[in-house]
C-alpha atoms as a PDB file:
ATOM      1  CA  MET A   1      -0.175   0.211  -0.121  1.00  0.00           C
ATOM      2  CA  PRO A   2       1.700   3.339  -0.984  1.00  0.00           C
ATOM      3  CA  SER A   3       2.380   6.097   1.445  1.00  0.00           C
ATOM      4  CA  LEU A   4       0.685   9.546   0.982  1.00  0.00           C
ATOM      5  CA  ASN A   5       3.550  12.149   1.513  1.00  0.00           C
ATOM      6  CA  ASP A   6       3.685  15.933   1.098  1.00  0.00           C
ATOM      7  CA  GLU A   7       5.382  15.597  -2.367  1.00  0.00           C
ATOM      8  CA  ASP A   8       2.183  13.676  -3.730  1.00  0.00           C
ATOM      9  CA  GLN A   9       0.295  16.088  -5.966  1.00  0.00           C
ATOM     10  CA  SER A  10      -2.381  13.136  -7.395  1.00  0.00           C
ATOM     11  CA  SER A  11      -4.938  14.635  -4.959  1.00  0.00           C
ATOM     12  CA  ILE A  12      -5.339  18.485  -4.082  1.00  0.00           C
ATOM     13  CA  THR A  13      -6.156  18.833  -0.242  1.00  0.00           C
ATOM     14  CA  VAL A  14      -7.664  21.626   1.701  1.00  0.00           C
ATOM     15  CA  ARG A  15      -4.895  22.989   4.384  1.00  0.00           C
ATOM     16  CA  PRO A  16      -4.961  25.859   6.742  1.00  0.00           C
ATOM     17  CA  ASP A  17      -2.272  27.375   4.459  1.00  0.00           C
ATOM     18  CA  ASP A  18      -2.868  26.368   1.223  1.00  0.00           C
ATOM     19  CA  HIS A  19      -6.726  27.083  -0.392  1.00  0.00           C
ATOM     20  CA  VAL A  20      -5.971  25.616  -3.767  1.00  0.00           C
ATOM     21  CA  ALA A  21      -8.565  22.927  -3.266  1.00  0.00           C
ATOM     22  CA  LEU A  22     -11.237  25.145  -2.282  1.00  0.00           C
ATOM     23  CA  ILE A  23     -10.262  27.483  -5.373  1.00  0.00           C
ATOM     24  CA  VAL A  24     -10.833  24.580  -7.559  1.00  0.00           C
ATOM     25  CA  ILE A  25     -14.311  23.378  -5.896  1.00  0.00           C
ATOM     26  CA  VAL A  26     -15.581  26.992  -6.680  1.00  0.00           C
ATOM     27  CA  ALA A  27     -13.950  27.398 -10.371  1.00  0.00           C
ATOM     28  CA  LEU A  28     -15.559  23.951 -11.039  1.00  0.00           C
ATOM     29  CA  VAL A  29     -19.006  24.848  -9.953  1.00  0.00           C
ATOM     30  CA  GLY A  30     -18.968  28.082 -11.363  1.00  0.00           C
ATOM     31  CA  LEU A  31     -18.375  26.484 -14.762  1.00  0.00           C
ATOM     32  CA  VAL A  32     -21.104  24.000 -14.412  1.00  0.00           C
ATOM     33  CA  TRP A  33     -23.643  26.669 -13.479  1.00  0.00           C
ATOM     34  CA  SER A  34     -22.325  28.542 -16.699  1.00  0.00           C
ATOM     35  CA  LEU A  35     -22.469  25.921 -19.091  1.00  0.00           C
ATOM     36  CA  PHE A  36     -26.032  24.598 -17.573  1.00  0.00           C
ATOM     37  CA  MET A  37     -27.131  28.054 -17.898  1.00  0.00           C
ATOM     38  CA  LEU A  38     -25.798  28.795 -21.330  1.00  0.00           C
ATOM     39  CA  GLY A  39     -27.639  25.662 -22.025  1.00  0.00           C
ATOM     40  CA  ILE A  40     -30.572  26.775 -20.909  1.00  0.00           C
ATOM     41  CA  ARG A  41     -30.097  29.954 -22.820  1.00  0.00           C
ATOM     42  CA  ILE A  42     -29.443  28.171 -26.201  1.00  0.00           C
ATOM     43  CA  TYR A  43     -32.180  25.541 -26.183  1.00  0.00           C
ATOM     44  CA  LEU A  44     -34.665  28.730 -25.063  1.00  0.00           C
ATOM     45  CA  ARG A  45     -33.408  30.745 -28.386  1.00  0.00           C
ATOM     46  CA  LEU A  46     -33.569  27.569 -30.668  1.00  0.00           C
ATOM     47  CA  ARG A  47     -37.272  26.711 -29.355  1.00  0.00           C
ATOM     48  CA  LEU A  48     -38.849  30.022 -28.310  1.00  0.00           C
ATOM     49  CA  THR A  49     -37.304  33.281 -29.128  1.00  0.00           C
ATOM     50  CA  PRO A  50     -35.248  33.009 -32.396  1.00  0.00           C
ATOM     51  CA  PRO A  51     -32.951  34.495 -33.532  1.00  0.00           C
ATOM     52  CA  PHE A  52     -29.820  34.815 -31.593  1.00  0.00           C
ATOM     53  CA  GLY A  53     -28.633  38.259 -30.947  1.00  0.00           C
ATOM     54  CA  VAL A  54     -25.313  40.047 -29.465  1.00  0.00           C
ATOM     55  CA  ASP A  55     -26.347  38.973 -25.898  1.00  0.00           C
ATOM     56  CA  ASP A  56     -26.227  35.590 -26.808  1.00  0.00           C
ATOM     57  CA  ALA A  57     -22.549  35.801 -28.659  1.00  0.00           C
ATOM     58  CA  VAL A  58     -21.295  37.474 -25.222  1.00  0.00           C
ATOM     59  CA  ALA A  59     -22.566  34.575 -23.481  1.00  0.00           C
ATOM     60  CA  ILE A  60     -20.822  32.149 -25.796  1.00  0.00           C
ATOM     61  CA  PHE A  61     -17.971  34.253 -25.620  1.00  0.00           C
ATOM     62  CA  GLY A  62     -17.707  34.558 -21.793  1.00  0.00           C
ATOM     63  CA  THR A  63     -18.178  31.015 -21.356  1.00  0.00           C
ATOM     64  CA  VAL A  64     -15.096  29.812 -23.841  1.00  0.00           C
ATOM     65  CA  ILE A  65     -13.137  32.292 -21.920  1.00  0.00           C
ATOM     66  CA  LEU A  66     -13.883  30.652 -18.706  1.00  0.00           C
ATOM     67  CA  ILE A  67     -13.132  27.686 -19.804  1.00  0.00           C
ATOM     68  CA  HIS A  68      -9.932  28.961 -21.222  1.00  0.00           C
ATOM     69  CA  LEU A  69      -9.232  30.422 -17.805  1.00  0.00           C
ATOM     70  CA  LEU A  70      -9.664  27.268 -15.868  1.00  0.00           C
ATOM     71  CA  GLN A  71      -7.430  24.706 -18.159  1.00  0.00           C
ATOM     72  CA  PRO A  72      -4.652  25.294 -15.975  1.00  0.00           C
ATOM     73  CA  LEU A  73      -6.585  23.941 -12.782  1.00  0.00           C
ATOM     74  CA  SER A  74      -6.721  20.843 -14.835  1.00  0.00           C
ATOM     75  CA  ASP A  75      -2.911  20.440 -15.140  1.00  0.00           C
ATOM     76  CA  ARG A  76      -2.280  20.436 -11.608  1.00  0.00           C
ATOM     77  CA  GLY A  77      -3.410  16.952 -11.000  1.00  0.00           C
END
């Protein structure tokens, strides 16, 4: 059975002096919420009130930027 030491980077833990895990959790919850809201927005635009407008383009652009900014968090593991 392998022992876990301080140099093991396979998981992120919450420590009193290191809040990286909390940042990752909040960022991922925000990403999931953003993708869910964008999906609902696109569904409503396609089904109820077409066409797409500038506000929809801004929402899509913002979500793409969010995904791009959160990509370094996936490299941490």
